[in-house]
Amino acid sequence: MPETYTCEGDDASPELTVADVPDDAAALAVVVDDPDAPAGTFTHWLLWNLPADTVEVPEGVVRRERLPDLGGAAQGENDFGEVGYRGPCPPEGDGPHEYRFTLYALDERLDVEAGGTRPEVQDELDAKTLDSDQFTGTFART
């Protein structure tokens, strides 16, 4: 992953392009996590209730619970204990970690308060996902 999106750079969220959303989707969600973290999967970003017609999530999304510029979408608490995106920051010398960016198409908006946690969001995703797609980036600190 480019350094600007990590703890060694600007720690800014990357631009995401959205395409091929099912016609019957009511909303979108994004989850970014690290399945290689020493203590188990580590969540870096929870973003949900993006409008279904979203074609781009811009770089550098602000770290606040509600995002009026993104159709009132909500962000949740990552495993750093903060709201919004925090980039890859694996332990130094731990080798490369994979970072999964998963986009979910939802059949209805998630019923989770802004600032919600991964378990709250995941329960809703499990119940309301029509389709999903994922890409993976890698990053290591030496």
C-alpha atoms as a PDB file:
ATOM      1  CA  MET A   1       0.000   0.000   0.000  1.00  0.00           C
ATOM      2  CA  PRO A   2       1.239   3.518  -0.649  1.00  0.00           C
ATOM      3  CA  GLU A   3       2.832   4.990   2.486  1.00  0.00           C
ATOM      4  CA  THR A   4       0.507   8.021   2.497  1.00  0.00           C
ATOM      5  CA  TYR A   5      -2.353   5.728   3.583  1.00  0.00           C
ATOM      6  CA  THR A   6      -0.379   4.246   6.509  1.00  0.00           C
ATOM      7  CA  CYS A   7       0.826   5.309   9.953  1.00  0.00           C
ATOM      8  CA  GLU A   8       4.194   6.116   8.399  1.00  0.00           C
ATOM      9  CA  GLY A   9       2.586   8.618   6.023  1.00  0.00           C
ATOM     10  CA  ASP A  10      -0.465  10.866   6.273  1.00  0.00           C
ATOM     11  CA  ASP A  11      -2.705   8.067   7.605  1.00  0.00           C
ATOM     12  CA  ALA A  12      -5.321   9.262   5.101  1.00  0.00           C
ATOM     13  CA  SER A  13      -8.045   7.003   3.771  1.00  0.00           C
ATOM     14  CA  PRO A  14      -7.499   6.081   0.119  1.00  0.00           C
ATOM     15  CA  GLU A  15      -9.863   6.983  -2.700  1.00  0.00           C
ATOM     16  CA  LEU A  16     -12.200   4.100  -3.476  1.00  0.00           C
ATOM     17  CA  THR A  17     -13.999   3.676  -6.795  1.00  0.00           C
ATOM     18  CA  VAL A  18     -17.365   1.923  -6.703  1.00  0.00           C
ATOM     19  CA  ALA A  19     -18.866   0.084  -9.688  1.00  0.00           C
ATOM     20  CA  ASP A  20     -21.334  -2.687 -10.518  1.00  0.00           C
ATOM     21  CA  VAL A  21     -23.573  -2.140  -7.502  1.00  0.00           C
ATOM     22  CA  PRO A  22     -26.721  -4.304  -7.663  1.00  0.00           C
ATOM     23  CA  ASP A  23     -29.764  -2.354  -8.843  1.00  0.00           C
ATOM     24  CA  ASP A  24     -31.716  -3.292  -5.724  1.00  0.00           C
ATOM     25  CA  ALA A  25     -29.068  -2.063  -3.272  1.00  0.00           C
ATOM     26  CA  ALA A  26     -30.329   0.480  -0.754  1.00  0.00           C
ATOM     27  CA  ALA A  27     -26.946   1.480   0.687  1.00  0.00           C
ATOM     28  CA  LEU A  28     -23.248   0.603   0.763  1.00  0.00           C
ATOM     29  CA  ALA A  29     -20.725  -0.114   3.503  1.00  0.00           C
ATOM     30  CA  VAL A  30     -16.935  -0.400   3.657  1.00  0.00           C
ATOM     31  CA  VAL A  31     -14.879  -2.383   6.161  1.00  0.00           C
ATOM     32  CA  VAL A  32     -11.082  -2.342   6.230  1.00  0.00           C
ATOM     33  CA  ASP A  33      -9.307  -4.877   8.416  1.00  0.00           C
ATOM     34  CA  ASP A  34      -6.028  -6.707   8.983  1.00  0.00           C
ATOM     35  CA  PRO A  35      -6.448 -10.474   9.400  1.00  0.00           C
ATOM     36  CA  ASP A  36      -2.708 -10.840  10.119  1.00  0.00           C
ATOM     37  CA  ALA A  37      -2.657  -8.796  13.333  1.00  0.00           C
ATOM     38  CA  PRO A  38      -0.972 -10.641  16.227  1.00  0.00           C
ATOM     39  CA  ALA A  39      -4.105 -10.643  18.425  1.00  0.00           C
ATOM     40  CA  GLY A  40      -6.526 -11.515  15.601  1.00  0.00           C
ATOM     41  CA  THR A  41      -8.374  -9.494  12.982  1.00  0.00           C
ATOM     42  CA  PHE A  42      -7.874  -5.764  13.577  1.00  0.00           C
ATOM     43  CA  THR A  43     -10.428  -3.280  12.234  1.00  0.00           C
ATOM     44  CA  HIS A  44      -9.087  -0.109  10.596  1.00  0.00           C
ATOM     45  CA  TRP A  45     -12.294   1.421   9.202  1.00  0.00           C
ATOM     46  CA  LEU A  46     -16.049   1.069   9.448  1.00  0.00           C
ATOM     47  CA  LEU A  47     -18.090   3.188   7.029  1.00  0.00           C
ATOM     48  CA  TRP A  48     -21.770   2.501   6.360  1.00  0.00           C
ATOM     49  CA  ASN A  49     -24.995   3.860   4.918  1.00  0.00           C
ATOM     50  CA  LEU A  50     -23.310   5.390   1.908  1.00  0.00           C
ATOM     51  CA  PRO A  51     -25.919   6.094  -0.778  1.00  0.00           C
ATOM     52  CA  ALA A  52     -26.293   3.161  -3.182  1.00  0.00           C
ATOM     53  CA  ASP A  53     -25.441   5.429  -6.133  1.00  0.00           C
ATOM     54  CA  THR A  54     -22.015   6.326  -4.708  1.00  0.00           C
ATOM     55  CA  VAL A  55     -19.344   6.011  -7.405  1.00  0.00           C
ATOM     56  CA  GLU A  56     -16.389   7.269  -5.367  1.00  0.00           C
ATOM     57  CA  VAL A  57     -15.338   7.583  -1.756  1.00  0.00           C
ATOM     58  CA  PRO A  58     -12.791  10.415  -1.805  1.00  0.00           C
ATOM     59  CA  GLU A  59      -9.307  10.263  -0.368  1.00  0.00           C
ATOM     60  CA  GLY A  60      -8.904  11.640   3.138  1.00  0.00           C
ATOM     61  CA  VAL A  61     -12.394  11.124   4.574  1.00  0.00           C
ATOM     62  CA  VAL A  62     -12.625  13.192   7.770  1.00  0.00           C
ATOM     63  CA  ARG A  63     -12.654  11.359  11.091  1.00  0.00           C
ATOM     64  CA  ARG A  64     -16.091  12.079  12.465  1.00  0.00           C
ATOM     65  CA  GLU A  65     -19.174   9.980  13.109  1.00  0.00           C
ATOM     66  CA  ARG A  66     -21.464  11.561  10.480  1.00  0.00           C
ATOM     67  CA  LEU A  67     -20.439  12.497   6.946  1.00  0.00           C
ATOM     68  CA  PRO A  68     -22.874  14.967   5.364  1.00  0.00           C
ATOM     69  CA  ASP A  69     -20.707  15.170   2.224  1.00  0.00           C
ATOM     70  CA  LEU A  70     -21.183  11.415   1.729  1.00  0.00           C
ATOM     71  CA  GLY A  71     -24.965  11.367   1.938  1.00  0.00           C
ATOM     72  CA  GLY A  72     -25.047  11.265   5.731  1.00  0.00           C
ATOM     73  CA  ALA A  73     -22.996   8.067   5.924  1.00  0.00           C
ATOM     74  CA  ALA A  74     -21.752   6.977   9.338  1.00  0.00           C
ATOM     75  CA  GLN A  75     -18.359   5.894  10.603  1.00  0.00           C
ATOM     76  CA  GLY A  76     -17.657   3.621  13.523  1.00  0.00           C
ATOM     77  CA  GLU A  77     -14.970   2.950  16.061  1.00  0.00           C
ATOM     78  CA  ASN A  78     -11.870   1.211  14.748  1.00  0.00           C
ATOM     79  CA  ASP A  79      -9.646  -1.002  16.882  1.00  0.00           C
ATOM     80  CA  PHE A  80      -7.410   1.970  17.668  1.00  0.00           C
ATOM     81  CA  GLY A  81     -10.402   3.216  19.704  1.00  0.00           C
ATOM     82  CA  GLU A  82     -11.077   6.114  17.314  1.00  0.00           C
ATOM     83  CA  VAL A  83     -13.802   6.950  14.823  1.00  0.00           C
ATOM     84  CA  GLY A  84     -12.879   6.845  11.147  1.00  0.00           C
ATOM     85  CA  TYR A  85     -10.016   5.458   9.097  1.00  0.00           C
ATOM     86  CA  ARG A  86      -6.655   4.611  10.594  1.00  0.00           C
ATOM     87  CA  GLY A  87      -4.170   3.150   8.198  1.00  0.00           C
ATOM     88  CA  PRO A  88      -1.947   0.103   8.289  1.00  0.00           C
ATOM     89  CA  CYS A  89       0.524   0.115  11.166  1.00  0.00           C
ATOM     90  CA  PRO A  90       1.724  -3.441  11.787  1.00  0.00           C
ATOM     91  CA  PRO A  91       4.327  -4.099  14.472  1.00  0.00           C
ATOM     92  CA  GLU A  92       7.837  -3.310  13.256  1.00  0.00           C
ATOM     93  CA  GLY A  93       9.589  -6.420  11.980  1.00  0.00           C
ATOM     94  CA  ASP A  94       6.363  -8.463  11.862  1.00  0.00           C
ATOM     95  CA  GLY A  95       6.572  -8.863   8.093  1.00  0.00           C
ATOM     96  CA  PRO A  96       3.942  -7.846   5.561  1.00  0.00           C
ATOM     97  CA  HIS A  97       0.321  -7.776   6.658  1.00  0.00           C
ATOM     98  CA  GLU A  98      -2.661  -7.999   4.319  1.00  0.00           C
ATOM     99  CA  TYR A  99      -5.287  -5.269   4.527  1.00  0.00           C
ATOM    100  CA  ARG A 100      -8.724  -6.235   3.234  1.00  0.00           C
ATOM    101  CA  PHE A 101     -10.962  -3.524   1.800  1.00  0.00           C
ATOM    102  CA  THR A 102     -14.476  -4.969   1.570  1.00  0.00           C
ATOM    103  CA  LEU A 103     -17.371  -3.134  -0.073  1.00  0.00           C
ATOM    104  CA  TYR A 104     -20.856  -4.340   0.829  1.00  0.00           C
ATOM    105  CA  ALA A 105     -24.050  -3.711  -1.140  1.00  0.00           C
ATOM    106  CA  LEU A 106     -26.946  -3.696   1.325  1.00  0.00           C
ATOM    107  CA  ASP A 107     -30.630  -4.435   0.892  1.00  0.00           C
ATOM    108  CA  GLU A 108     -31.414  -1.763   3.491  1.00  0.00           C
ATOM    109  CA  ARG A 109     -29.530   0.782   5.552  1.00  0.00           C
ATOM    110  CA  LEU A 110     -27.744  -0.493   8.635  1.00  0.00           C
ATOM    111  CA  ASP A 111     -29.524   0.204  11.901  1.00  0.00           C
ATOM    112  CA  VAL A 112     -26.368   1.111  13.822  1.00  0.00           C
ATOM    113  CA  GLU A 113     -25.728   4.430  15.526  1.00  0.00           C
ATOM    114  CA  ALA A 114     -22.790   6.453  14.209  1.00  0.00           C
ATOM    115  CA  GLY A 115     -19.712   5.594  16.241  1.00  0.00           C
ATOM    116  CA  GLY A 116     -20.779   1.934  16.455  1.00  0.00           C
ATOM    117  CA  THR A 117     -18.384  -0.958  16.935  1.00  0.00           C
ATOM    118  CA  ARG A 118     -17.363  -3.805  14.633  1.00  0.00           C
ATOM    119  CA  PRO A 119     -19.623  -6.398  16.321  1.00  0.00           C
ATOM    120  CA  GLU A 120     -22.639  -4.070  15.981  1.00  0.00           C
ATOM    121  CA  VAL A 121     -21.872  -3.326  12.346  1.00  0.00           C
ATOM    122  CA  GLN A 122     -21.012  -6.948  11.529  1.00  0.00           C
ATOM    123  CA  ASP A 123     -24.330  -8.228  12.903  1.00  0.00           C
ATOM    124  CA  GLU A 124     -26.176  -5.849  10.589  1.00  0.00           C
ATOM    125  CA  LEU A 125     -23.914  -6.660   7.624  1.00  0.00           C
ATOM    126  CA  ASP A 126     -24.554 -10.368   8.129  1.00  0.00           C
ATOM    127  CA  ALA A 127     -28.304  -9.743   7.949  1.00  0.00           C
ATOM    128  CA  LYS A 128     -28.455  -7.150   5.153  1.00  0.00           C
ATOM    129  CA  THR A 129     -25.703  -7.893   2.612  1.00  0.00           C
ATOM    130  CA  LEU A 130     -26.838  -8.456  -0.984  1.00  0.00           C
ATOM    131  CA  ASP A 131     -23.341  -8.712  -2.426  1.00  0.00           C
ATOM    132  CA  SER A 132     -19.762  -7.820  -1.570  1.00  0.00           C
ATOM    133  CA  ASP A 133     -16.414  -7.372  -3.235  1.00  0.00           C
ATOM    134  CA  GLN A 134     -12.938  -7.190  -1.782  1.00  0.00           C
ATOM    135  CA  PHE A 135      -9.420  -6.180  -2.657  1.00  0.00           C
ATOM    136  CA  THR A 136      -6.297  -6.577  -0.585  1.00  0.00           C
ATOM    137  CA  GLY A 137      -3.226  -4.424  -0.098  1.00  0.00           C
ATOM    138  CA  THR A 138      -0.067  -5.270   1.814  1.00  0.00           C
ATOM    139  CA  PHE A 139       2.191  -3.236   4.079  1.00  0.00           C
ATOM    140  CA  ALA A 140       5.139  -3.948   6.382  1.00  0.00           C
ATOM    141  CA  ARG A 141       7.219  -1.856   8.774  1.00  0.00           C
ATOM    142  CA  THR A 142      10.896  -2.631   9.186  1.00  0.00           C
END
